[in-house]
PDB file of N, CA and C in Angstrom:
ATOM      1  N   MET A   1     -42.576 -43.100 -22.332  1.00  0.00           N
ATOM      2  CA  MET A   1     -43.276 -43.616 -23.484  1.00  0.00           C
ATOM      3  C   MET A   1     -42.334 -44.512 -24.278  1.00  0.00           C
ATOM      4  N   SER A   2     -42.885 -45.581 -24.792  1.00  0.00           N
ATOM      5  CA  SER A   2     -42.078 -46.508 -25.575  1.00  0.00           C
ATOM      6  C   SER A   2     -42.923 -47.093 -26.703  1.00  0.00           C
ATOM      7  N   ILE A   3     -42.302 -47.213 -27.869  1.00  0.00           N
ATOM      8  CA  ILE A   3     -42.958 -47.865 -28.997  1.00  0.00           C
ATOM      9  C   ILE A   3     -42.159 -49.099 -29.377  1.00  0.00           C
ATOM     10  N   ARG A   4     -42.819 -50.024 -30.026  1.00  0.00           N
ATOM     11  CA  ARG A   4     -42.141 -51.242 -30.483  1.00  0.00           C
ATOM     12  C   ARG A   4     -42.024 -51.159 -31.997  1.00  0.00           C
ATOM     13  N   VAL A   5     -40.810 -51.343 -32.481  1.00  0.00           N
ATOM     14  CA  VAL A   5     -40.528 -51.254 -33.912  1.00  0.00           C
ATOM     15  C   VAL A   5     -40.231 -52.647 -34.434  1.00  0.00           C
ATOM     16  N   MET A   6     -40.979 -53.041 -35.460  1.00  0.00           N
ATOM     17  CA  MET A   6     -40.811 -54.350 -36.075  1.00  0.00           C
ATOM     18  C   MET A   6     -40.059 -54.156 -37.392  1.00  0.00           C
ATOM     19  N   LEU A   7     -38.992 -54.918 -37.567  1.00  0.00           N
ATOM     20  CA  LEU A   7     -38.182 -54.837 -38.784  1.00  0.00           C
ATOM     21  C   LEU A   7     -38.282 -56.160 -39.533  1.00  0.00           C
ATOM     22  N   PRO A   8     -38.526 -56.120 -40.830  1.00  0.00           N
ATOM     23  CA  PRO A   8     -38.663 -57.353 -41.603  1.00  0.00           C
ATOM     24  C   PRO A   8     -37.315 -58.067 -41.749  1.00  0.00           C
ATOM     25  N   ALA A   9     -37.383 -59.318 -42.135  1.00  0.00           N
ATOM     26  CA  ALA A   9     -36.170 -60.125 -42.319  1.00  0.00           C
ATOM     27  C   ALA A   9     -35.193 -59.465 -43.288  1.00  0.00           C
ATOM     28  N   ALA A  10     -35.709 -58.732 -44.264  1.00  0.00           N
ATOM     29  CA  ALA A  10     -34.833 -58.068 -45.235  1.00  0.00           C
ATOM     30  C   ALA A  10     -33.891 -57.073 -44.566  1.00  0.00           C
ATOM     31  N   PHE A  11     -34.284 -56.524 -43.420  1.00  0.00           N
ATOM     32  CA  PHE A  11     -33.431 -55.577 -42.711  1.00  0.00           C
ATOM     33  C   PHE A  11     -32.593 -56.240 -41.622  1.00  0.00           C
ATOM     34  N   ALA A  12     -32.906 -57.465 -41.250  1.00  0.00           N
ATOM     35  CA  ALA A  12     -32.217 -58.130 -40.144  1.00  0.00           C
ATOM     36  C   ALA A  12     -30.716 -58.281 -40.390  1.00  0.00           C
ATOM     37  N   ARG A  13     -30.313 -58.374 -41.636  1.00  0.00           N
ATOM     38  CA  ARG A  13     -28.877 -58.497 -41.915  1.00  0.00           C
ATOM     39  C   ARG A  13     -28.135 -57.204 -41.596  1.00  0.00           C
ATOM     40  N   HIS A  14     -28.870 -56.100 -41.464  1.00  0.00           N
ATOM     41  CA  HIS A  14     -28.262 -54.811 -41.125  1.00  0.00           C
ATOM     42  C   HIS A  14     -28.382 -54.493 -39.639  1.00  0.00           C
ATOM     43  N   THR A  15     -28.989 -55.423 -38.874  1.00  0.00           N
ATOM     44  CA  THR A  15     -29.201 -55.204 -37.439  1.00  0.00           C
ATOM     45  C   THR A  15     -28.663 -56.361 -36.605  1.00  0.00           C
ATOM     46  N   ALA A  16     -27.757 -57.150 -37.176  1.00  0.00           N
ATOM     47  CA  ALA A  16     -27.208 -58.338 -36.495  1.00  0.00           C
ATOM     48  C   ALA A  16     -28.328 -59.286 -36.065  1.00  0.00           C
ATOM     49  N   GLY A  17     -29.370 -59.373 -36.894  1.00  0.00           N
ATOM     50  CA  GLY A  17     -30.457 -60.308 -36.650  1.00  0.00           C
ATOM     51  C   GLY A  17     -31.606 -59.761 -35.821  1.00  0.00           C
ATOM     52  N   THR A  18     -31.478 -58.564 -35.316  1.00  0.00           N
ATOM     53  CA  THR A  18     -32.549 -57.967 -34.509  1.00  0.00           C
ATOM     54  C   THR A  18     -33.737 -57.644 -35.408  1.00  0.00           C
ATOM     55  N   LYS A  19     -34.913 -58.134 -35.019  1.00  0.00           N
ATOM     56  CA  LYS A  19     -36.121 -57.887 -35.810  1.00  0.00           C
ATOM     57  C   LYS A  19     -37.134 -57.027 -35.061  1.00  0.00           C
ATOM     58  N   GLN A  20     -36.828 -56.739 -33.807  1.00  0.00           N
ATOM     59  CA  GLN A  20     -37.741 -55.945 -32.991  1.00  0.00           C
ATOM     60  C   GLN A  20     -36.908 -55.104 -32.043  1.00  0.00           C
ATOM     61  N   VAL A  21     -37.279 -53.832 -31.901  1.00  0.00           N
ATOM     62  CA  VAL A  21     -36.528 -52.929 -31.032  1.00  0.00           C
ATOM     63  C   VAL A  21     -37.490 -51.945 -30.388  1.00  0.00           C
ATOM     64  N   GLN A  22     -37.198 -51.517 -29.190  1.00  0.00           N
ATOM     65  CA  GLN A  22     -37.969 -50.490 -28.499  1.00  0.00           C
ATOM     66  C   GLN A  22     -37.359 -49.132 -28.815  1.00  0.00           C
ATOM     67  N   SER A  23     -38.192 -48.114 -28.846  1.00  0.00           N
ATOM     68  CA  SER A  23     -37.713 -46.760 -29.094  1.00  0.00           C
ATOM     69  C   SER A  23     -38.543 -45.771 -28.286  1.00  0.00           C
ATOM     70  N   GLU A  24     -37.926 -44.657 -27.947  1.00  0.00           N
ATOM     71  CA  GLU A  24     -38.597 -43.563 -27.262  1.00  0.00           C
ATOM     72  C   GLU A  24     -38.958 -42.444 -28.240  1.00  0.00           C
ATOM     73  N   ALA A  25     -38.770 -42.691 -29.541  1.00  0.00           N
ATOM     74  CA  ALA A  25     -39.044 -41.668 -30.559  1.00  0.00           C
ATOM     75  C   ALA A  25     -40.511 -41.241 -30.495  1.00  0.00           C
ATOM     76  N   THR A  26     -40.743 -39.973 -30.825  1.00  0.00           N
ATOM     77  CA  THR A  26     -42.114 -39.448 -30.782  1.00  0.00           C
ATOM     78  C   THR A  26     -42.706 -39.206 -32.162  1.00  0.00           C
ATOM     79  N   THR A  27     -41.849 -39.116 -33.205  1.00  0.00           N
ATOM     80  CA  THR A  27     -42.306 -38.913 -34.578  1.00  0.00           C
ATOM     81  C   THR A  27     -41.482 -39.789 -35.506  1.00  0.00           C
ATOM     82  N   LEU A  28     -41.941 -39.913 -36.736  1.00  0.00           N
ATOM     83  CA  LEU A  28     -41.213 -40.720 -37.714  1.00  0.00           C
ATOM     84  C   LEU A  28     -39.793 -40.202 -37.949  1.00  0.00           C
ATOM     85  N   PRO A  29     -39.574 -38.901 -38.146  1.00  0.00           N
ATOM     86  CA  PRO A  29     -38.192 -38.443 -38.342  1.00  0.00           C
ATOM     87  C   PRO A  29     -37.272 -38.784 -37.169  1.00  0.00           C
ATOM     88  N   THR A  30     -37.781 -38.661 -35.933  1.00  0.00           N
ATOM     89  CA  THR A  30     -36.924 -39.007 -34.796  1.00  0.00           C
ATOM     90  C   THR A  30     -36.724 -40.514 -34.690  1.00  0.00           C
ATOM     91  N   LEU A  31     -37.690 -41.296 -35.136  1.00  0.00           N
ATOM     92  CA  LEU A  31     -37.527 -42.749 -35.146  1.00  0.00           C
ATOM     93  C   LEU A  31     -36.485 -43.168 -36.179  1.00  0.00           C
ATOM     94  N   VAL A  32     -36.533 -42.575 -37.360  1.00  0.00           N
ATOM     95  CA  VAL A  32     -35.546 -42.886 -38.400  1.00  0.00           C
ATOM     96  C   VAL A  32     -34.135 -42.560 -37.891  1.00  0.00           C
ATOM     97  N   GLU A  33     -33.995 -41.433 -37.225  1.00  0.00           N
ATOM     98  CA  GLU A  33     -32.704 -41.050 -36.654  1.00  0.00           C
ATOM     99  C   GLU A  33     -32.273 -42.030 -35.568  1.00  0.00           C
ATOM    100  N   ASP A  34     -33.203 -42.416 -34.707  1.00  0.00           N
ATOM    101  CA  ASP A  34     -32.905 -43.367 -33.633  1.00  0.00           C
ATOM    102  C   ASP A  34     -32.439 -44.708 -34.192  1.00  0.00           C
ATOM    103  N   LEU A  35     -33.141 -45.205 -35.201  1.00  0.00           N
ATOM    104  CA  LEU A  35     -32.739 -46.485 -35.801  1.00  0.00           C
ATOM    105  C   LEU A  35     -31.372 -46.373 -36.454  1.00  0.00           C
ATOM    106  N   GLY A  36     -31.087 -45.238 -37.095  1.00  0.00           N
ATOM    107  CA  GLY A  36     -29.784 -45.027 -37.704  1.00  0.00           C
ATOM    108  C   GLY A  36     -28.668 -44.968 -36.689  1.00  0.00           C
ATOM    109  N   THR A  37     -28.968 -44.470 -35.507  1.00  0.00           N
ATOM    110  CA  THR A  37     -27.976 -44.419 -34.425  1.00  0.00           C
ATOM    111  C   THR A  37     -27.747 -45.817 -33.842  1.00  0.00           C
ATOM    112  N   LYS A  38     -28.832 -46.540 -33.594  1.00  0.00           N
ATOM    113  CA  LYS A  38     -28.726 -47.889 -33.016  1.00  0.00           C
ATOM    114  C   LYS A  38     -28.112 -48.878 -33.995  1.00  0.00           C
ATOM    115  N   PHE A  39     -28.449 -48.720 -35.279  1.00  0.00           N
ATOM    116  CA  PHE A  39     -27.983 -49.636 -36.319  1.00  0.00           C
ATOM    117  C   PHE A  39     -27.467 -48.826 -37.503  1.00  0.00           C
ATOM    118  N   PRO A  40     -26.213 -48.362 -37.456  1.00  0.00           N
ATOM    119  CA  PRO A  40     -25.683 -47.504 -38.526  1.00  0.00           C
ATOM    120  C   PRO A  40     -25.817 -48.101 -39.927  1.00  0.00           C
ATOM    121  N   GLU A  41     -25.606 -49.399 -40.055  1.00  0.00           N
ATOM    122  CA  GLU A  41     -25.727 -50.018 -41.379  1.00  0.00           C
ATOM    123  C   GLU A  41     -27.168 -49.952 -41.877  1.00  0.00           C
ATOM    124  N   LEU A  42     -28.135 -50.142 -40.983  1.00  0.00           N
ATOM    125  CA  LEU A  42     -29.540 -50.019 -41.356  1.00  0.00           C
ATOM    126  C   LEU A  42     -29.844 -48.584 -41.769  1.00  0.00           C
ATOM    127  N   GLY A  43     -29.275 -47.628 -41.048  1.00  0.00           N
ATOM    128  CA  GLY A  43     -29.480 -46.229 -41.368  1.00  0.00           C
ATOM    129  C   GLY A  43     -29.119 -45.903 -42.806  1.00  0.00           C
ATOM    130  N   LEU A  44     -28.065 -46.517 -43.311  1.00  0.00           N
ATOM    131  CA  LEU A  44     -27.658 -46.293 -44.698  1.00  0.00           C
ATOM    132  C   LEU A  44     -28.713 -46.769 -45.688  1.00  0.00           C
ATOM    133  N   HIS A  45     -29.504 -47.748 -45.298  1.00  0.00           N
ATOM    134  CA  HIS A  45     -30.507 -48.320 -46.197  1.00  0.00           C
ATOM    135  C   HIS A  45     -31.882 -47.669 -46.070  1.00  0.00           C
ATOM    136  N   ILE A  46     -32.174 -47.095 -44.917  1.00  0.00           N
ATOM    137  CA  ILE A  46     -33.506 -46.520 -44.746  1.00  0.00           C
ATOM    138  C   ILE A  46     -33.520 -45.000 -44.903  1.00  0.00           C
ATOM    139  N   LYS A  47     -32.353 -44.353 -44.791  1.00  0.00           N
ATOM    140  CA  LYS A  47     -32.292 -42.887 -44.911  1.00  0.00           C
ATOM    141  C   LYS A  47     -31.631 -42.488 -46.222  1.00  0.00           C
ATOM    142  N   ASP A  48     -32.133 -41.397 -46.809  1.00  0.00           N
ATOM    143  CA  ASP A  48     -31.493 -40.870 -48.007  1.00  0.00           C
ATOM    144  C   ASP A  48     -30.377 -39.900 -47.597  1.00  0.00           C
ATOM    145  N   GLU A  49     -29.798 -39.210 -48.574  1.00  0.00           N
ATOM    146  CA  GLU A  49     -28.671 -38.322 -48.320  1.00  0.00           C
ATOM    147  C   GLU A  49     -29.020 -37.177 -47.369  1.00  0.00           C
ATOM    148  N   SER A  50     -30.280 -36.784 -47.336  1.00  0.00           N
ATOM    149  CA  SER A  50     -30.698 -35.689 -46.454  1.00  0.00           C
ATOM    150  C   SER A  50     -31.112 -36.179 -45.070  1.00  0.00           C
ATOM    151  N   GLY A  51     -31.070 -37.504 -44.861  1.00  0.00           N
ATOM    152  CA  GLY A  51     -31.408 -38.062 -43.557  1.00  0.00           C
ATOM    153  C   GLY A  51     -32.874 -38.402 -43.380  1.00  0.00           C
ATOM    154  N   THR A  52     -33.666 -38.268 -44.442  1.00  0.00           N
ATOM    155  CA  THR A  52     -35.086 -38.605 -44.346  1.00  0.00           C
ATOM    156  C   THR A  52     -35.326 -40.028 -44.845  1.00  0.00           C
ATOM    157  N   LEU A  53     -36.454 -40.554 -44.471  1.00  0.00           N
ATOM    158  CA  LEU A  53     -36.824 -41.916 -44.850  1.00  0.00           C
ATOM    159  C   LEU A  53     -36.899 -42.045 -46.366  1.00  0.00           C
ATOM    160  N   ARG A  54     -36.310 -43.105 -46.892  1.00  0.00           N
ATOM    161  CA  ARG A  54     -36.349 -43.328 -48.342  1.00  0.00           C
ATOM    162  C   ARG A  54     -37.786 -43.574 -48.793  1.00  0.00           C
ATOM    163  N   LYS A  55     -38.063 -43.191 -50.020  1.00  0.00           N
ATOM    164  CA  LYS A  55     -39.423 -43.255 -50.576  1.00  0.00           C
ATOM    165  C   LYS A  55     -39.972 -44.675 -50.690  1.00  0.00           C
ATOM    166  N   PHE A  56     -39.089 -45.662 -50.871  1.00  0.00           N
ATOM    167  CA  PHE A  56     -39.567 -47.027 -51.098  1.00  0.00           C
ATOM    168  C   PHE A  56     -39.808 -47.810 -49.805  1.00  0.00           C
ATOM    169  N   ILE A  57     -39.744 -47.149 -48.680  1.00  0.00           N
ATOM    170  CA  ILE A  57     -39.999 -47.824 -47.408  1.00  0.00           C
ATOM    171  C   ILE A  57     -41.347 -47.355 -46.871  1.00  0.00           C
ATOM    172  N   ASN A  58     -42.224 -48.309 -46.642  1.00  0.00           N
ATOM    173  CA  ASN A  58     -43.550 -48.019 -46.102  1.00  0.00           C
ATOM    174  C   ASN A  58     -43.522 -48.218 -44.592  1.00  0.00           C
ATOM    175  N   VAL A  59     -44.245 -47.361 -43.886  1.00  0.00           N
ATOM    176  CA  VAL A  59     -44.283 -47.432 -42.424  1.00  0.00           C
ATOM    177  C   VAL A  59     -45.739 -47.568 -41.990  1.00  0.00           C
ATOM    178  N   TYR A  60     -45.983 -48.519 -41.117  1.00  0.00           N
ATOM    179  CA  TYR A  60     -47.320 -48.764 -40.589  1.00  0.00           C
ATOM    180  C   TYR A  60     -47.298 -48.629 -39.076  1.00  0.00           C
ATOM    181  N   VAL A  61     -48.307 -47.963 -38.555  1.00  0.00           N
ATOM    182  CA  VAL A  61     -48.473 -47.814 -37.108  1.00  0.00           C
ATOM    183  C   VAL A  61     -49.750 -48.544 -36.741  1.00  0.00           C
ATOM    184  N   ASN A  62     -49.598 -49.590 -35.930  1.00  0.00           N
ATOM    185  CA  ASN A  62     -50.757 -50.402 -35.544  1.00  0.00           C
ATOM    186  C   ASN A  62     -51.558 -50.829 -36.775  1.00  0.00           C
ATOM    187  N   ASP A  63     -50.837 -51.279 -37.796  1.00  0.00           N
ATOM    188  CA  ASP A  63     -51.401 -51.788 -39.058  1.00  0.00           C
ATOM    189  C   ASP A  63     -52.030 -50.728 -39.949  1.00  0.00           C
ATOM    190  N   GLU A  64     -51.814 -49.455 -39.659  1.00  0.00           N
ATOM    191  CA  GLU A  64     -52.346 -48.371 -40.500  1.00  0.00           C
ATOM    192  C   GLU A  64     -51.172 -47.612 -41.125  1.00  0.00           C
ATOM    193  N   ASP A  65     -51.281 -47.351 -42.414  1.00  0.00           N
ATOM    194  CA  ASP A  65     -50.247 -46.611 -43.134  1.00  0.00           C
ATOM    195  C   ASP A  65     -50.057 -45.238 -42.489  1.00  0.00           C
ATOM    196  N   ILE A  66     -48.819 -44.933 -42.101  1.00  0.00           N
ATOM    197  CA  ILE A  66     -48.551 -43.668 -41.406  1.00  0.00           C
ATOM    198  C   ILE A  66     -48.900 -42.451 -42.257  1.00  0.00           C
ATOM    199  N   ARG A  67     -48.912 -42.604 -43.581  1.00  0.00           N
ATOM    200  CA  ARG A  67     -49.276 -41.475 -44.451  1.00  0.00           C
ATOM    201  C   ARG A  67     -50.695 -40.997 -44.185  1.00  0.00           C
ATOM    202  N   PHE A  68     -51.576 -41.928 -43.787  1.00  0.00           N
ATOM    203  CA  PHE A  68     -52.965 -41.566 -43.514  1.00  0.00           C
ATOM    204  C   PHE A  68     -53.173 -41.076 -42.082  1.00  0.00           C
ATOM    205  N   LEU A  69     -52.115 -41.143 -41.286  1.00  0.00           N
ATOM    206  CA  LEU A  69     -52.181 -40.669 -39.894  1.00  0.00           C
ATOM    207  C   LEU A  69     -51.520 -39.305 -39.713  1.00  0.00           C
ATOM    208  N   GLY A  70     -50.929 -38.793 -40.784  1.00  0.00           N
ATOM    209  CA  GLY A  70     -50.265 -37.498 -40.707  1.00  0.00           C
ATOM    210  C   GLY A  70     -48.798 -37.535 -41.098  1.00  0.00           C
ATOM    211  N   GLY A  71     -48.311 -38.718 -41.464  1.00  0.00           N
ATOM    212  CA  GLY A  71     -46.923 -38.835 -41.919  1.00  0.00           C
ATOM    213  C   GLY A  71     -45.919 -38.414 -40.865  1.00  0.00           C
ATOM    214  N   ASP A  72     -45.008 -37.534 -41.256  1.00  0.00           N
ATOM    215  CA  ASP A  72     -43.933 -37.098 -40.356  1.00  0.00           C
ATOM    216  C   ASP A  72     -44.439 -36.375 -39.116  1.00  0.00           C
ATOM    217  N   THR A  73     -45.647 -35.852 -39.157  1.00  0.00           N
ATOM    218  CA  THR A  73     -46.161 -35.102 -38.010  1.00  0.00           C
ATOM    219  C   THR A  73     -46.912 -35.980 -37.006  1.00  0.00           C
ATOM    220  N   TYR A  74     -47.173 -37.232 -37.376  1.00  0.00           N
ATOM    221  CA  TYR A  74     -47.888 -38.122 -36.452  1.00  0.00           C
ATOM    222  C   TYR A  74     -47.084 -38.290 -35.166  1.00  0.00           C
ATOM    223  N   GLN A  75     -47.743 -38.146 -34.031  1.00  0.00           N
ATOM    224  CA  GLN A  75     -47.115 -38.320 -32.724  1.00  0.00           C
ATOM    225  C   GLN A  75     -47.380 -39.752 -32.241  1.00  0.00           C
ATOM    226  N   PHE A  76     -46.308 -40.531 -32.107  1.00  0.00           N
ATOM    227  CA  PHE A  76     -46.477 -41.891 -31.614  1.00  0.00           C
ATOM    228  C   PHE A  76     -47.088 -41.869 -30.218  1.00  0.00           C
ATOM    229  N   GLN A  77     -47.893 -42.880 -29.962  1.00  0.00           N
ATOM    230  CA  GLN A  77     -48.519 -43.061 -28.660  1.00  0.00           C
ATOM    231  C   GLN A  77     -47.802 -44.204 -27.941  1.00  0.00           C
ATOM    232  N   ASP A  78     -47.850 -44.183 -26.630  1.00  0.00           N
ATOM    233  CA  ASP A  78     -47.236 -45.241 -25.847  1.00  0.00           C
ATOM    234  C   ASP A  78     -47.744 -46.609 -26.304  1.00  0.00           C
ATOM    235  N   ARG A  79     -46.838 -47.502 -26.545  1.00  0.00           N
ATOM    236  CA  ARG A  79     -47.092 -48.889 -26.958  1.00  0.00           C
ATOM    237  C   ARG A  79     -47.554 -49.040 -28.408  1.00  0.00           C
ATOM    238  N   ASP A  80     -47.391 -47.996 -29.224  1.00  0.00           N
ATOM    239  CA  ASP A  80     -47.643 -48.164 -30.658  1.00  0.00           C
ATOM    240  C   ASP A  80     -46.709 -49.234 -31.202  1.00  0.00           C
ATOM    241  N   GLU A  81     -47.199 -49.974 -32.187  1.00  0.00           N
ATOM    242  CA  GLU A  81     -46.365 -50.931 -32.910  1.00  0.00           C
ATOM    243  C   GLU A  81     -46.119 -50.370 -34.306  1.00  0.00           C
ATOM    244  N   VAL A  82     -44.861 -50.185 -34.625  1.00  0.00           N
ATOM    245  CA  VAL A  82     -44.469 -49.571 -35.888  1.00  0.00           C
ATOM    246  C   VAL A  82     -43.746 -50.606 -36.730  1.00  0.00           C
ATOM    247  N   MET A  83     -44.176 -50.756 -37.975  1.00  0.00           N
ATOM    248  CA  MET A  83     -43.532 -51.704 -38.889  1.00  0.00           C
ATOM    249  C   MET A  83     -42.926 -50.953 -40.060  1.00  0.00           C
ATOM    250  N   PHE A  84     -41.699 -51.320 -40.417  1.00  0.00           N
ATOM    251  CA  PHE A  84     -41.026 -50.796 -41.596  1.00  0.00           C
ATOM    252  C   PHE A  84     -41.066 -51.886 -42.651  1.00  0.00           C
ATOM    253  N   ILE A  85     -41.648 -51.582 -43.802  1.00  0.00           N
ATOM    254  CA  ILE A  85     -41.801 -52.564 -44.872  1.00  0.00           C
ATOM    255  C   ILE A  85     -41.218 -51.995 -46.164  1.00  0.00           C
ATOM    256  N   PRO A  86     -40.150 -52.620 -46.691  1.00  0.00           N
ATOM    257  CA  PRO A  86     -39.635 -52.133 -47.975  1.00  0.00           C
ATOM    258  C   PRO A  86     -40.579 -52.532 -49.102  1.00  0.00           C
ATOM    259  N   SER A  87     -40.755 -51.616 -50.065  1.00  0.00           N
ATOM    260  CA  SER A  87     -41.563 -51.922 -51.242  1.00  0.00           C
ATOM    261  C   SER A  87     -40.851 -52.976 -52.066  1.00  0.00           C
ATOM    262  N   ILE A  88     -41.627 -53.820 -52.678  1.00  0.00           N
ATOM    263  CA  ILE A  88     -41.063 -54.854 -53.539  1.00  0.00           C
ATOM    264  C   ILE A  88     -41.608 -54.629 -54.939  1.00  0.00           C
ATOM    265  N   ALA A  89     -40.709 -54.584 -55.899  1.00  0.00           N
ATOM    266  CA  ALA A  89     -41.125 -54.346 -57.273  1.00  0.00           C
ATOM    267  C   ALA A  89     -40.284 -55.236 -58.188  1.00  0.00           C
ATOM    268  N   GLY A  90     -40.722 -55.313 -59.399  1.00  0.00           N
ATOM    269  CA  GLY A  90     -39.963 -56.071 -60.393  1.00  0.00           C
ATOM    270  C   GLY A  90     -40.702 -57.322 -60.821  1.00  0.00           C
ATOM    271  N   GLY A  91     -39.983 -58.183 -61.449  1.00  0.00           N
ATOM    272  CA  GLY A  91     -40.580 -59.419 -61.938  1.00  0.00           C
ATOM    273  C   GLY A  91     -40.523 -59.466 -63.447  1.00  0.00           C
ATOM    274  N   ARG A  92     -41.179 -60.438 -63.963  1.00  0.00           N
ATOM    275  CA  ARG A  92     -41.196 -60.637 -65.415  1.00  0.00           C
ATOM    276  C   ARG A  92     -42.619 -60.621 -65.925  1.00  0.00           C
ATOM    277  N   ASP A  93     -42.743 -60.228 -67.183  1.00  0.00           N
ATOM    278  CA  ASP A  93     -44.061 -60.275 -67.829  1.00  0.00           C
ATOM    279  C   ASP A  93     -44.359 -61.673 -68.308  1.00  0.00           C
TER     280      ASP A  93
END
């Protein structure tokens, strides 16, 4: 089984420009760990001190928010496309 992980340009500086990677991970926690192993610098930005995904990073599986699919318990399917999207906030009034 293999999934395709899409990383936005904001993360490419932590992956030596890689914006897409294959993974054999079966759940979100194992995917976060896999990405941290493949790209240690990225791991520092996507994982908190306990090793879990940071709250400000949204994850989509086949364009659906993983929170509505079961979150950490969702089992990836072969050829799922997973996107990591950092939340963007701020600005001026």
